[in-house]
PDB file of N, CA and C in Angstrom:
ATOM      1  N   MET A   1      -4.944  29.617   4.597  1.00  0.00           N
ATOM      2  CA  MET A   1      -5.475  29.747   3.264  1.00  0.00           C
ATOM      3  C   MET A   1      -6.264  28.544   2.809  1.00  0.00           C
ATOM      4  N   SER A   2      -7.412  28.439   2.511  1.00  0.00           N
ATOM      5  CA  SER A   2      -7.975  27.426   1.843  1.00  0.00           C
ATOM      6  C   SER A   2      -7.958  27.294   0.447  1.00  0.00           C
ATOM      7  N   VAL A   3      -7.307  26.324  -0.215  1.00  0.00           N
ATOM      8  CA  VAL A   3      -7.308  26.139  -1.595  1.00  0.00           C
ATOM      9  C   VAL A   3      -8.262  24.932  -2.056  1.00  0.00           C
ATOM     10  N   ASN A   4      -9.061  25.262  -3.060  1.00  0.00           N
ATOM     11  CA  ASN A   4      -9.951  24.318  -3.573  1.00  0.00           C
ATOM     12  C   ASN A   4      -9.410  23.645  -4.956  1.00  0.00           C
ATOM     13  N   ARG A   5     -10.191  22.738  -5.472  1.00  0.00           N
ATOM     14  CA  ARG A   5      -9.789  22.130  -6.749  1.00  0.00           C
ATOM     15  C   ARG A   5      -9.673  23.190  -7.823  1.00  0.00           C
ATOM     16  N   GLU A   6     -10.647  24.146  -7.929  1.00  0.00           N
ATOM     17  CA  GLU A   6     -10.704  25.152  -8.895  1.00  0.00           C
ATOM     18  C   GLU A   6      -9.463  26.054  -8.866  1.00  0.00           C
ATOM     19  N   GLU A   7      -9.050  26.569  -7.709  1.00  0.00           N
ATOM     20  CA  GLU A   7      -7.809  27.189  -7.505  1.00  0.00           C
ATOM     21  C   GLU A   7      -6.565  26.556  -7.811  1.00  0.00           C
ATOM     22  N   PHE A   8      -6.443  25.244  -7.607  1.00  0.00           N
ATOM     23  CA  PHE A   8      -5.519  24.506  -8.042  1.00  0.00           C
ATOM     24  C   PHE A   8      -5.414  24.243  -9.450  1.00  0.00           C
ATOM     25  N   GLU A   9      -6.458  24.105 -10.179  1.00  0.00           N
ATOM     26  CA  GLU A   9      -6.384  24.058 -11.673  1.00  0.00           C
ATOM     27  C   GLU A   9      -6.063  25.285 -12.254  1.00  0.00           C
ATOM     28  N   LYS A  10      -6.714  26.257 -11.694  1.00  0.00           N
ATOM     29  CA  LYS A  10      -6.249  27.749 -12.104  1.00  0.00           C
ATOM     30  C   LYS A  10      -4.854  28.122 -12.053  1.00  0.00           C
ATOM     31  N   ALA A  11      -4.158  27.568 -10.918  1.00  0.00           N
ATOM     32  CA  ALA A  11      -2.858  27.750 -10.715  1.00  0.00           C
ATOM     33  C   ALA A  11      -1.987  27.148 -11.926  1.00  0.00           C
ATOM     34  N   PHE A  12      -2.447  25.965 -12.174  1.00  0.00           N
ATOM     35  CA  PHE A  12      -1.564  25.070 -13.253  1.00  0.00           C
ATOM     36  C   PHE A  12      -2.013  25.770 -14.583  1.00  0.00           C
ATOM     37  N   ASP A  13      -3.089  26.208 -14.766  1.00  0.00           N
ATOM     38  CA  ASP A  13      -3.475  26.808 -16.035  1.00  0.00           C
ATOM     39  C   ASP A  13      -2.576  28.160 -16.158  1.00  0.00           C
ATOM     40  N   GLY A  14      -2.381  29.000 -15.049  1.00  0.00           N
ATOM     41  CA  GLY A  14      -1.632  30.175 -15.054  1.00  0.00           C
ATOM     42  C   GLY A  14      -0.110  29.827 -15.427  1.00  0.00           C
ATOM     43  N   LEU A  15       0.330  28.726 -14.859  1.00  0.00           N
ATOM     44  CA  LEU A  15       1.838  28.211 -15.168  1.00  0.00           C
ATOM     45  C   LEU A  15       1.849  27.937 -16.699  1.00  0.00           C
ATOM     46  N   ASP A  16       0.846  27.242 -17.097  1.00  0.00           N
ATOM     47  CA  ASP A  16       0.981  26.797 -18.615  1.00  0.00           C
ATOM     48  C   ASP A  16       0.955  28.203 -19.456  1.00  0.00           C
ATOM     49  N   LYS A  17      -0.078  29.051 -19.245  1.00  0.00           N
ATOM     50  CA  LYS A  17      -0.113  30.309 -19.901  1.00  0.00           C
ATOM     51  C   LYS A  17       1.134  31.015 -19.907  1.00  0.00           C
ATOM     52  N   GLY A  18       1.823  31.037 -18.787  1.00  0.00           N
ATOM     53  CA  GLY A  18       2.895  31.728 -18.701  1.00  0.00           C
ATOM     54  C   GLY A  18       4.246  31.266 -19.549  1.00  0.00           C
ATOM     55  N   ILE A  19       4.166  29.967 -19.467  1.00  0.00           N
ATOM     56  CA  ILE A  19       5.246  29.217 -20.270  1.00  0.00           C
ATOM     57  C   ILE A  19       4.981  29.442 -21.824  1.00  0.00           C
ATOM     58  N   ARG A  20       3.812  29.382 -22.118  1.00  0.00           N
ATOM     59  CA  ARG A  20       3.452  29.527 -23.643  1.00  0.00           C
ATOM     60  C   ARG A  20       3.734  31.011 -24.069  1.00  0.00           C
ATOM     61  N   GLY A  21       3.440  31.935 -23.113  1.00  0.00           N
ATOM     62  CA  GLY A  21       3.705  33.210 -23.451  1.00  0.00           C
ATOM     63  C   GLY A  21       5.080  33.526 -23.584  1.00  0.00           C
ATOM     64  N   LEU A  22       5.855  32.939 -22.752  1.00  0.00           N
ATOM     65  CA  LEU A  22       7.218  33.204 -22.841  1.00  0.00           C
ATOM     66  C   LEU A  22       7.880  32.590 -24.124  1.00  0.00           C
ATOM     67  N   ILE A  23       7.493  31.584 -24.465  1.00  0.00           N
ATOM     68  CA  ILE A  23       7.922  30.976 -25.772  1.00  0.00           C
ATOM     69  C   ILE A  23       7.686  31.825 -26.762  1.00  0.00           C
ATOM     70  N   LYS A  24       6.360  32.175 -26.757  1.00  0.00           N
ATOM     71  CA  LYS A  24       5.892  33.202 -27.953  1.00  0.00           C
ATOM     72  C   LYS A  24       6.754  34.470 -27.892  1.00  0.00           C
ATOM     73  N   THR A  25       6.963  35.022 -26.747  1.00  0.00           N
ATOM     74  CA  THR A  25       7.618  36.143 -26.795  1.00  0.00           C
ATOM     75  C   THR A  25       9.334  36.115 -26.998  1.00  0.00           C
ATOM     76  N   ALA A  26       9.830  35.010 -26.685  1.00  0.00           N
ATOM     77  CA  ALA A  26      11.168  34.602 -27.152  1.00  0.00           C
ATOM     78  C   ALA A  26      11.405  34.362 -28.529  1.00  0.00           C
ATOM     79  N   SER A  27      10.248  33.940 -29.352  1.00  0.00           N
ATOM     80  CA  SER A  27      10.452  33.764 -30.748  1.00  0.00           C
ATOM     81  C   SER A  27      10.253  35.057 -31.566  1.00  0.00           C
ATOM     82  N   TYR A  28       9.441  36.012 -30.736  1.00  0.00           N
ATOM     83  CA  TYR A  28       9.196  37.419 -31.621  1.00  0.00           C
ATOM     84  C   TYR A  28       9.755  38.577 -31.165  1.00  0.00           C
ATOM     85  N   ALA A  29      10.425  38.626 -29.963  1.00  0.00           N
ATOM     86  CA  ALA A  29      10.944  39.764 -29.455  1.00  0.00           C
ATOM     87  C   ALA A  29      12.521  39.779 -29.318  1.00  0.00           C
ATOM     88  N   ASN A  30      13.049  40.858 -29.056  1.00  0.00           N
ATOM     89  CA  ASN A  30      14.545  40.955 -28.959  1.00  0.00           C
ATOM     90  C   ASN A  30      14.882  40.587 -27.474  1.00  0.00           C
ATOM     91  N   GLU A  31      16.117  40.595 -27.138  1.00  0.00           N
ATOM     92  CA  GLU A  31      16.701  39.919 -25.845  1.00  0.00           C
ATOM     93  C   GLU A  31      16.179  40.737 -24.793  1.00  0.00           C
ATOM     94  N   MET A  32      16.187  42.024 -24.700  1.00  0.00           N
ATOM     95  CA  MET A  32      15.796  42.717 -23.766  1.00  0.00           C
ATOM     96  C   MET A  32      14.347  42.467 -23.298  1.00  0.00           C
ATOM     97  N   VAL A  33      13.450  42.584 -24.153  1.00  0.00           N
ATOM     98  CA  VAL A  33      12.056  42.199 -23.821  1.00  0.00           C
ATOM     99  C   VAL A  33      11.991  40.670 -23.136  1.00  0.00           C
ATOM    100  N   VAL A  34      12.796  39.921 -23.761  1.00  0.00           N
ATOM    101  CA  VAL A  34      12.624  38.527 -23.246  1.00  0.00           C
ATOM    102  C   VAL A  34      13.056  38.426 -21.687  1.00  0.00           C
ATOM    103  N   LEU A  35      14.113  39.253 -21.370  1.00  0.00           N
ATOM    104  CA  LEU A  35      14.502  39.253 -19.958  1.00  0.00           C
ATOM    105  C   LEU A  35      13.535  39.898 -19.271  1.00  0.00           C
ATOM    106  N   ASP A  36      12.837  40.893 -19.550  1.00  0.00           N
ATOM    107  CA  ASP A  36      11.632  41.471 -18.732  1.00  0.00           C
ATOM    108  C   ASP A  36      10.506  40.453 -18.627  1.00  0.00           C
ATOM    109  N   GLU A  37      10.291  39.788 -19.744  1.00  0.00           N
ATOM    110  CA  GLU A  37       9.250  38.755 -19.648  1.00  0.00           C
ATOM    111  C   GLU A  37       9.601  37.691 -18.608  1.00  0.00           C
ATOM    112  N   LEU A  38      10.952  37.321 -18.719  1.00  0.00           N
ATOM    113  CA  LEU A  38      11.433  36.195 -17.683  1.00  0.00           C
ATOM    114  C   LEU A  38      11.242  36.600 -16.265  1.00  0.00           C
ATOM    115  N   ARG A  39      11.592  37.879 -16.048  1.00  0.00           N
ATOM    116  CA  ARG A  39      11.402  38.234 -14.549  1.00  0.00           C
ATOM    117  C   ARG A  39       9.983  38.250 -14.206  1.00  0.00           C
ATOM    118  N   GLU A  40       9.040  38.786 -15.147  1.00  0.00           N
ATOM    119  CA  GLU A  40       7.710  38.665 -14.780  1.00  0.00           C
ATOM    120  C   GLU A  40       7.008  37.313 -14.644  1.00  0.00           C
ATOM    121  N   PHE A  41       7.604  36.480 -15.456  1.00  0.00           N
ATOM    122  CA  PHE A  41       7.216  35.046 -15.472  1.00  0.00           C
ATOM    123  C   PHE A  41       7.730  34.364 -14.180  1.00  0.00           C
ATOM    124  N   ALA A  42       9.005  34.540 -13.674  1.00  0.00           N
ATOM    125  CA  ALA A  42       9.464  34.079 -12.521  1.00  0.00           C
ATOM    126  C   ALA A  42       8.696  34.556 -11.222  1.00  0.00           C
ATOM    127  N   ASN A  43       8.223  35.640 -11.298  1.00  0.00           N
ATOM    128  CA  ASN A  43       7.311  36.336 -10.190  1.00  0.00           C
ATOM    129  C   ASN A  43       5.977  35.493 -10.283  1.00  0.00           C
ATOM    130  N   SER A  44       5.501  35.303 -11.340  1.00  0.00           N
ATOM    131  CA  SER A  44       4.298  34.613 -11.663  1.00  0.00           C
ATOM    132  C   SER A  44       4.343  33.127 -11.100  1.00  0.00           C
ATOM    133  N   VAL A  45       5.403  32.648 -11.552  1.00  0.00           N
ATOM    134  CA  VAL A  45       5.622  31.132 -11.210  1.00  0.00           C
ATOM    135  C   VAL A  45       5.598  30.899  -9.598  1.00  0.00           C
ATOM    136  N   GLY A  46       6.372  31.827  -9.084  1.00  0.00           N
ATOM    137  CA  GLY A  46       6.473  31.853  -7.624  1.00  0.00           C
ATOM    138  C   GLY A  46       5.171  31.963  -7.045  1.00  0.00           C
ATOM    139  N   SER A  47       4.330  32.625  -7.471  1.00  0.00           N
ATOM    140  CA  SER A  47       2.996  32.959  -6.942  1.00  0.00           C
ATOM    141  C   SER A  47       2.289  31.628  -7.079  1.00  0.00           C
ATOM    142  N   GLN A  48       2.294  31.031  -8.277  1.00  0.00           N
ATOM    143  CA  GLN A  48       1.609  29.765  -8.622  1.00  0.00           C
ATOM    144  C   GLN A  48       2.079  28.628  -7.744  1.00  0.00           C
ATOM    145  N   VAL A  49       3.500  28.474  -7.614  1.00  0.00           N
ATOM    146  CA  VAL A  49       3.921  27.458  -6.886  1.00  0.00           C
ATOM    147  C   VAL A  49       3.329  27.452  -5.494  1.00  0.00           C
ATOM    148  N   LYS A  50       3.429  28.638  -4.821  1.00  0.00           N
ATOM    149  CA  LYS A  50       2.737  28.867  -3.425  1.00  0.00           C
ATOM    150  C   LYS A  50       1.418  28.445  -3.464  1.00  0.00           C
ATOM    151  N   ASN A  51       0.475  28.754  -4.385  1.00  0.00           N
ATOM    152  CA  ASN A  51      -0.836  28.228  -4.361  1.00  0.00           C
ATOM    153  C   ASN A  51      -0.730  26.738  -4.314  1.00  0.00           C
ATOM    154  N   ILE A  52      -0.138  26.207  -5.147  1.00  0.00           N
ATOM    155  CA  ILE A  52       0.068  24.718  -5.259  1.00  0.00           C
ATOM    156  C   ILE A  52       0.588  24.144  -3.911  1.00  0.00           C
ATOM    157  N   GLN A  53       1.646  24.682  -3.439  1.00  0.00           N
ATOM    158  CA  GLN A  53       1.927  24.142  -2.018  1.00  0.00           C
ATOM    159  C   GLN A  53       0.951  24.118  -1.082  1.00  0.00           C
ATOM    160  N   ASP A  54       0.162  25.427  -1.102  1.00  0.00           N
ATOM    161  CA  ASP A  54      -0.942  25.354  -0.174  1.00  0.00           C
ATOM    162  C   ASP A  54      -1.984  24.428  -0.356  1.00  0.00           C
ATOM    163  N   TYR A  55      -2.239  24.114  -1.576  1.00  0.00           N
ATOM    164  CA  TYR A  55      -3.154  22.983  -1.809  1.00  0.00           C
ATOM    165  C   TYR A  55      -2.584  21.622  -1.434  1.00  0.00           C
ATOM    166  N   VAL A  56      -1.458  21.318  -1.682  1.00  0.00           N
ATOM    167  CA  VAL A  56      -0.844  20.159  -1.123  1.00  0.00           C
ATOM    168  C   VAL A  56      -0.760  20.133   0.425  1.00  0.00           C
ATOM    169  N   ASN A  57      -0.779  21.000   1.159  1.00  0.00           N
ATOM    170  CA  ASN A  57      -0.611  21.094   2.558  1.00  0.00           C
ATOM    171  C   ASN A  57      -2.144  20.981   3.077  1.00  0.00           C
ATOM    172  N   GLN A  58      -3.029  21.430   2.353  1.00  0.00           N
ATOM    173  CA  GLN A  58      -4.482  21.016   2.739  1.00  0.00           C
ATOM    174  C   GLN A  58      -4.703  19.759   2.569  1.00  0.00           C
ATOM    175  N   LEU A  59      -4.258  19.015   1.485  1.00  0.00           N
ATOM    176  CA  LEU A  59      -4.744  17.573   1.122  1.00  0.00           C
ATOM    177  C   LEU A  59      -3.920  16.807   2.147  1.00  0.00           C
ATOM    178  N   GLU A  60      -2.752  17.158   2.452  1.00  0.00           N
ATOM    179  CA  GLU A  60      -1.946  16.452   3.602  1.00  0.00           C
ATOM    180  C   GLU A  60      -2.873  16.486   4.978  1.00  0.00           C
ATOM    181  N   LYS A  61      -3.430  17.639   5.437  1.00  0.00           N
ATOM    182  CA  LYS A  61      -3.931  17.686   6.550  1.00  0.00           C
ATOM    183  C   LYS A  61      -5.389  16.818   6.559  1.00  0.00           C
ATOM    184  N   GLU A  62      -5.985  16.798   5.401  1.00  0.00           N
ATOM    185  CA  GLU A  62      -7.183  16.060   5.090  1.00  0.00           C
ATOM    186  C   GLU A  62      -6.917  14.591   5.148  1.00  0.00           C
ATOM    187  N   LEU A  63      -5.659  14.164   4.673  1.00  0.00           N
ATOM    188  CA  LEU A  63      -5.345  12.807   4.692  1.00  0.00           C
ATOM    189  C   LEU A  63      -5.199  12.247   6.090  1.00  0.00           C
ATOM    190  N   LYS A  64      -4.375  13.172   6.839  1.00  0.00           N
ATOM    191  CA  LYS A  64      -4.014  12.930   8.267  1.00  0.00           C
ATOM    192  C   LYS A  64      -5.461  12.614   8.957  1.00  0.00           C
ATOM    193  N   LYS A  65      -6.275  13.558   8.895  1.00  0.00           N
ATOM    194  CA  LYS A  65      -7.871  13.002   9.410  1.00  0.00           C
ATOM    195  C   LYS A  65      -8.232  11.740   9.141  1.00  0.00           C
ATOM    196  N   TYR A  66      -8.228  11.437   7.935  1.00  0.00           N
ATOM    197  CA  TYR A  66      -8.695   9.948   7.478  1.00  0.00           C
ATOM    198  C   TYR A  66      -7.894   8.961   7.933  1.00  0.00           C
ATOM    199  N   LYS A  67      -6.616   9.135   8.170  1.00  0.00           N
ATOM    200  CA  LYS A  67      -5.844   8.055   8.786  1.00  0.00           C
ATOM    201  C   LYS A  67      -5.975   7.715  10.346  1.00  0.00           C
ATOM    202  N   GLN A  68      -6.794   8.517  10.930  1.00  0.00           N
ATOM    203  CA  GLN A  68      -7.229   8.470  12.329  1.00  0.00           C
ATOM    204  C   GLN A  68      -8.269   7.657  12.385  1.00  0.00           C
ATOM    205  N   LYS A  69      -8.169   6.599  13.338  1.00  0.00           N
ATOM    206  CA  LYS A  69      -9.101   5.421  13.423  1.00  0.00           C
ATOM    207  C   LYS A  69     -10.036   5.743  14.761  1.00  0.00           C
ATOM    208  N   PRO A  70     -11.326   5.569  14.620  1.00  0.00           N
ATOM    209  CA  PRO A  70     -12.130   5.660  15.746  1.00  0.00           C
ATOM    210  C   PRO A  70     -12.033   4.524  16.653  1.00  0.00           C
ATOM    211  N   GLN A  71     -11.960   4.728  18.046  1.00  0.00           N
ATOM    212  CA  GLN A  71     -12.041   3.556  18.949  1.00  0.00           C
ATOM    213  C   GLN A  71     -13.126   3.830  19.907  1.00  0.00           C
ATOM    214  N   ILE A  72     -13.694   2.657  20.437  1.00  0.00           N
ATOM    215  CA  ILE A  72     -14.834   2.818  21.328  1.00  0.00           C
ATOM    216  C   ILE A  72     -14.210   2.748  22.708  1.00  0.00           C
ATOM    217  N   LYS A  73     -14.410   3.790  23.740  1.00  0.00           N
ATOM    218  CA  LYS A  73     -14.124   3.705  24.996  1.00  0.00           C
ATOM    219  C   LYS A  73     -15.345   3.585  25.839  1.00  0.00           C
ATOM    220  N   GLN A  74     -15.301   2.626  26.904  1.00  0.00           N
ATOM    221  CA  GLN A  74     -16.283   2.262  27.702  1.00  0.00           C
ATOM    222  C   GLN A  74     -16.108   2.590  29.050  1.00  0.00           C
ATOM    223  N   THR A  75     -17.151   2.832  29.896  1.00  0.00           N
ATOM    224  CA  THR A  75     -16.913   2.993  31.146  1.00  0.00           C
ATOM    225  C   THR A  75     -18.325   2.480  31.961  1.00  0.00           C
ATOM    226  N   VAL A  76     -18.182   2.243  33.339  1.00  0.00           N
ATOM    227  CA  VAL A  76     -19.267   1.859  34.116  1.00  0.00           C
ATOM    228  C   VAL A  76     -19.512   2.844  35.186  1.00  0.00           C
ATOM    229  N   VAL A  77     -20.992   3.269  35.233  1.00  0.00           N
ATOM    230  CA  VAL A  77     -21.284   4.222  36.309  1.00  0.00           C
ATOM    231  C   VAL A  77     -22.342   3.508  37.045  1.00  0.00           C
ATOM    232  N   ARG A  78     -22.404   3.433  38.333  1.00  0.00           N
ATOM    233  CA  ARG A  78     -23.453   2.970  39.075  1.00  0.00           C
ATOM    234  C   ARG A  78     -23.978   3.893  40.017  1.00  0.00           C
ATOM    235  N   THR A  79     -25.431   3.994  39.991  1.00  0.00           N
ATOM    236  CA  THR A  79     -26.198   4.963  40.654  1.00  0.00           C
ATOM    237  C   THR A  79     -26.962   4.128  41.909  1.00  0.00           C
ATOM    238  N   TYR A  80     -27.123   4.781  42.971  1.00  0.00           N
ATOM    239  CA  TYR A  80     -27.682   4.106  44.309  1.00  0.00           C
ATOM    240  C   TYR A  80     -28.869   5.114  44.662  1.00  0.00           C
ATOM    241  N   THR A  81     -29.837   4.348  45.401  1.00  0.00           N
ATOM    242  CA  THR A  81     -30.911   5.320  45.966  1.00  0.00           C
ATOM    243  C   THR A  81     -30.351   6.147  47.068  1.00  0.00           C
ATOM    244  N   SER A  82     -29.485   5.659  47.612  1.00  0.00           N
ATOM    245  CA  SER A  82     -28.740   6.403  48.828  1.00  0.00           C
ATOM    246  C   SER A  82     -28.057   7.601  48.417  1.00  0.00           C
ATOM    247  N   THR A  83     -27.669   8.508  49.251  1.00  0.00           N
ATOM    248  CA  THR A  83     -26.919   9.707  48.964  1.00  0.00           C
ATOM    249  C   THR A  83     -25.582   9.330  48.580  1.00  0.00           C
ATOM    250  N   MET A  84     -24.856   7.998  48.558  1.00  0.00           N
ATOM    251  CA  MET A  84     -23.687   7.746  48.173  1.00  0.00           C
ATOM    252  C   MET A  84     -23.197   8.058  46.915  1.00  0.00           C
ATOM    253  N   ASN A  85     -24.142   7.841  46.034  1.00  0.00           N
ATOM    254  CA  ASN A  85     -23.689   8.055  44.589  1.00  0.00           C
ATOM    255  C   ASN A  85     -25.093   8.160  43.858  1.00  0.00           C
ATOM    256  N   THR A  86     -25.500   9.562  43.741  1.00  0.00           N
ATOM    257  CA  THR A  86     -26.736   9.706  42.760  1.00  0.00           C
ATOM    258  C   THR A  86     -26.450   9.884  41.317  1.00  0.00           C
ATOM    259  N   THR A  87     -27.058  10.386  40.650  1.00  0.00           N
ATOM    260  CA  THR A  87     -27.014  10.571  39.169  1.00  0.00           C
ATOM    261  C   THR A  87     -25.941  11.424  38.723  1.00  0.00           C
ATOM    262  N   GLY A  88     -25.113  12.201  39.685  1.00  0.00           N
ATOM    263  CA  GLY A  88     -24.202  13.110  39.410  1.00  0.00           C
ATOM    264  C   GLY A  88     -23.308  12.687  38.461  1.00  0.00           C
ATOM    265  N   ASN A  89     -22.623  11.432  38.828  1.00  0.00           N
ATOM    266  CA  ASN A  89     -21.468  10.853  37.970  1.00  0.00           C
ATOM    267  C   ASN A  89     -21.947  10.533  36.559  1.00  0.00           C
ATOM    268  N   LEU A  90     -23.329  10.029  36.573  1.00  0.00           N
ATOM    269  CA  LEU A  90     -23.789   9.636  35.253  1.00  0.00           C
ATOM    270  C   LEU A  90     -23.936  11.005  34.418  1.00  0.00           C
ATOM    271  N   GLU A  91     -24.437  12.155  34.912  1.00  0.00           N
ATOM    272  CA  GLU A  91     -24.451  13.232  34.057  1.00  0.00           C
ATOM    273  C   GLU A  91     -23.229  13.808  33.726  1.00  0.00           C
ATOM    274  N   LYS A  92     -22.232  13.610  34.553  1.00  0.00           N
ATOM    275  CA  LYS A  92     -20.889  14.148  34.159  1.00  0.00           C
ATOM    276  C   LYS A  92     -20.377  13.391  32.984  1.00  0.00           C
ATOM    277  N   LYS A  93     -20.464  11.984  33.144  1.00  0.00           N
ATOM    278  CA  LYS A  93     -20.141  11.226  31.793  1.00  0.00           C
ATOM    279  C   LYS A  93     -20.752  11.439  30.470  1.00  0.00           C
ATOM    280  N   LEU A  94     -22.223  11.613  30.834  1.00  0.00           N
ATOM    281  CA  LEU A  94     -23.022  12.136  29.642  1.00  0.00           C
ATOM    282  C   LEU A  94     -22.609  13.497  29.064  1.00  0.00           C
ATOM    283  N   ASN A  95     -22.130  14.395  29.909  1.00  0.00           N
ATOM    284  CA  ASN A  95     -21.650  15.731  29.408  1.00  0.00           C
ATOM    285  C   ASN A  95     -20.291  15.624  28.679  1.00  0.00           C
ATOM    286  N   GLN A  96     -19.547  14.378  28.974  1.00  0.00           N
ATOM    287  CA  GLN A  96     -18.299  14.313  28.430  1.00  0.00           C
ATOM    288  C   GLN A  96     -18.390  13.495  27.102  1.00  0.00           C
ATOM    289  N   GLY A  97     -19.737  13.396  26.610  1.00  0.00           N
ATOM    290  CA  GLY A  97     -19.836  12.612  25.318  1.00  0.00           C
ATOM    291  C   GLY A  97     -20.198  11.154  25.164  1.00  0.00           C
ATOM    292  N   TYR A  98     -20.145  10.645  26.360  1.00  0.00           N
ATOM    293  CA  TYR A  98     -20.556   9.146  26.572  1.00  0.00           C
ATOM    294  C   TYR A  98     -22.152   9.071  26.375  1.00  0.00           C
ATOM    295  N   HIS A  99     -22.494   7.937  25.945  1.00  0.00           N
ATOM    296  CA  HIS A  99     -23.979   7.510  25.716  1.00  0.00           C
ATOM    297  C   HIS A  99     -24.310   6.297  26.388  1.00  0.00           C
ATOM    298  N   VAL A 100     -25.331   5.897  26.863  1.00  0.00           N
ATOM    299  CA  VAL A 100     -25.651   4.739  27.594  1.00  0.00           C
ATOM    300  C   VAL A 100     -26.045   3.624  26.599  1.00  0.00           C
ATOM    301  N   VAL A 101     -25.337   2.543  26.764  1.00  0.00           N
ATOM    302  CA  VAL A 101     -25.464   1.380  25.784  1.00  0.00           C
ATOM    303  C   VAL A 101     -26.266   0.226  26.494  1.00  0.00           C
ATOM    304  N   MET A 102     -26.198   0.183  27.781  1.00  0.00           N
ATOM    305  CA  MET A 102     -26.964  -0.802  28.800  1.00  0.00           C
ATOM    306  C   MET A 102     -27.032  -0.253  30.007  1.00  0.00           C
ATOM    307  N   ALA A 103     -28.164  -0.625  30.554  1.00  0.00           N
ATOM    308  CA  ALA A 103     -28.311  -0.517  32.096  1.00  0.00           C
ATOM    309  C   ALA A 103     -29.117  -1.708  32.771  1.00  0.00           C
ATOM    310  N   ASN A 104     -28.599  -2.007  33.981  1.00  0.00           N
ATOM    311  CA  ASN A 104     -29.023  -3.141  34.680  1.00  0.00           C
ATOM    312  C   ASN A 104     -29.425  -2.726  36.064  1.00  0.00           C
ATOM    313  N   HIS A 105     -30.442  -3.404  36.649  1.00  0.00           N
ATOM    314  CA  HIS A 105     -30.609  -3.073  38.178  1.00  0.00           C
ATOM    315  C   HIS A 105     -29.686  -4.073  38.938  1.00  0.00           C
ATOM    316  N   ILE A 106     -29.211  -3.529  39.980  1.00  0.00           N
ATOM    317  CA  ILE A 106     -28.165  -4.327  40.583  1.00  0.00           C
ATOM    318  C   ILE A 106     -28.678  -4.336  42.154  1.00  0.00           C
ATOM    319  N   GLY A 107     -28.527  -5.493  42.811  1.00  0.00           N
ATOM    320  CA  GLY A 107     -28.836  -5.455  44.209  1.00  0.00           C
ATOM    321  C   GLY A 107     -30.368  -5.326  44.439  1.00  0.00           C
ATOM    322  N   THR A 108     -30.693  -5.139  45.655  1.00  0.00           N
ATOM    323  CA  THR A 108     -32.001  -5.160  46.198  1.00  0.00           C
ATOM    324  C   THR A 108     -32.573  -3.707  46.508  1.00  0.00           C
ATOM    325  N   ASN A 109     -31.742  -2.714  46.310  1.00  0.00           N
ATOM    326  CA  ASN A 109     -31.913  -1.385  46.666  1.00  0.00           C
ATOM    327  C   ASN A 109     -32.311  -0.314  45.490  1.00  0.00           C
ATOM    328  N   ASN A 110     -32.790  -0.897  44.309  1.00  0.00           N
ATOM    329  CA  ASN A 110     -33.007  -0.055  43.071  1.00  0.00           C
ATOM    330  C   ASN A 110     -31.769   0.625  42.647  1.00  0.00           C
ATOM    331  N   SER A 111     -30.540   0.046  42.800  1.00  0.00           N
ATOM    332  CA  SER A 111     -29.495   0.547  42.242  1.00  0.00           C
ATOM    333  C   SER A 111     -29.230   0.199  40.584  1.00  0.00           C
ATOM    334  N   ILE A 112     -28.696   1.063  39.976  1.00  0.00           N
ATOM    335  CA  ILE A 112     -28.703   0.821  38.572  1.00  0.00           C
ATOM    336  C   ILE A 112     -27.258   1.011  38.062  1.00  0.00           C
ATOM    337  N   GLU A 113     -26.760   0.000  37.371  1.00  0.00           N
ATOM    338  CA  GLU A 113     -25.499  -0.170  36.859  1.00  0.00           C
ATOM    339  C   GLU A 113     -25.521   0.380  35.183  1.00  0.00           C
ATOM    340  N   TYR A 114     -24.865   1.481  34.676  1.00  0.00           N
ATOM    341  CA  TYR A 114     -24.842   1.917  33.536  1.00  0.00           C
ATOM    342  C   TYR A 114     -23.736   1.572  32.714  1.00  0.00           C
ATOM    343  N   ILE A 115     -23.736   1.007  31.560  1.00  0.00           N
ATOM    344  CA  ILE A 115     -22.503   0.886  30.663  1.00  0.00           C
ATOM    345  C   ILE A 115     -22.437   1.977  29.703  1.00  0.00           C
ATOM    346  N   LEU A 116     -21.590   2.762  29.654  1.00  0.00           N
ATOM    347  CA  LEU A 116     -21.461   3.869  28.784  1.00  0.00           C
ATOM    348  C   LEU A 116     -20.369   3.704  27.759  1.00  0.00           C
ATOM    349  N   GLU A 117     -20.499   4.364  26.672  1.00  0.00           N
ATOM    350  CA  GLU A 117     -19.221   4.423  25.710  1.00  0.00           C
ATOM    351  C   GLU A 117     -19.332   5.509  24.777  1.00  0.00           C
ATOM    352  N   LYS A 118     -18.170   5.978  24.208  1.00  0.00           N
ATOM    353  CA  LYS A 118     -18.069   7.116  23.293  1.00  0.00           C
ATOM    354  C   LYS A 118     -16.999   6.842  22.474  1.00  0.00           C
ATOM    355  N   GLU A 119     -17.060   7.277  21.233  1.00  0.00           N
ATOM    356  CA  GLU A 119     -16.081   7.168  20.062  1.00  0.00           C
ATOM    357  C   GLU A 119     -14.880   8.088  20.349  1.00  0.00           C
ATOM    358  N   VAL A 120     -13.633   7.669  20.387  1.00  0.00           N
ATOM    359  CA  VAL A 120     -12.401   8.683  20.408  1.00  0.00           C
ATOM    360  C   VAL A 120     -11.573   8.392  19.278  1.00  0.00           C
ATOM    361  N   ILE A 121     -10.939   9.339  18.823  1.00  0.00           N
ATOM    362  CA  ILE A 121      -9.955   9.240  17.488  1.00  0.00           C
ATOM    363  C   ILE A 121      -8.657   8.890  18.068  1.00  0.00           C
ATOM    364  N   GLN A 122      -8.028   7.862  17.550  1.00  0.00           N
ATOM    365  CA  GLN A 122      -6.629   7.584  17.827  1.00  0.00           C
ATOM    366  C   GLN A 122      -5.836   7.497  16.568  1.00  0.00           C
ATOM    367  N   ASP A 123      -4.592   8.076  16.711  1.00  0.00           N
ATOM    368  CA  ASP A 123      -3.683   8.113  15.583  1.00  0.00           C
ATOM    369  C   ASP A 123      -3.290   6.589  15.325  1.00  0.00           C
ATOM    370  N   GLU A 124      -3.102   6.226  13.948  1.00  0.00           N
ATOM    371  CA  GLU A 124      -2.552   4.817  13.644  1.00  0.00           C
ATOM    372  C   GLU A 124      -1.251   4.702  14.268  1.00  0.00           C
TER     373      GLU A 124
END
């Protein structure tokens, strides 16, 4: 269940109204009506507390996301003109979320060395 700020404030408003209603009822009604109101209020409070707890749980999840730090992961892929290592490994890494940050010709046979990196999330 997703709980937003409006629902959170509505939960507290409901709690406040319930308390004020109980006080008003207690001052004007006999004991039996007060007991009924207390039961109704207790049920209402339970519902409001659950909404508040859901909102707190949602905030804790969001906070956990923000505590995670991104780190850069790097790898090197070399491609050769021979059949030994064509662009297959490069494509595989690109499909895994890496991007090319540098490419250099190596050797004399038109081979290319690619420096790849991607951002990964690590817990603190």
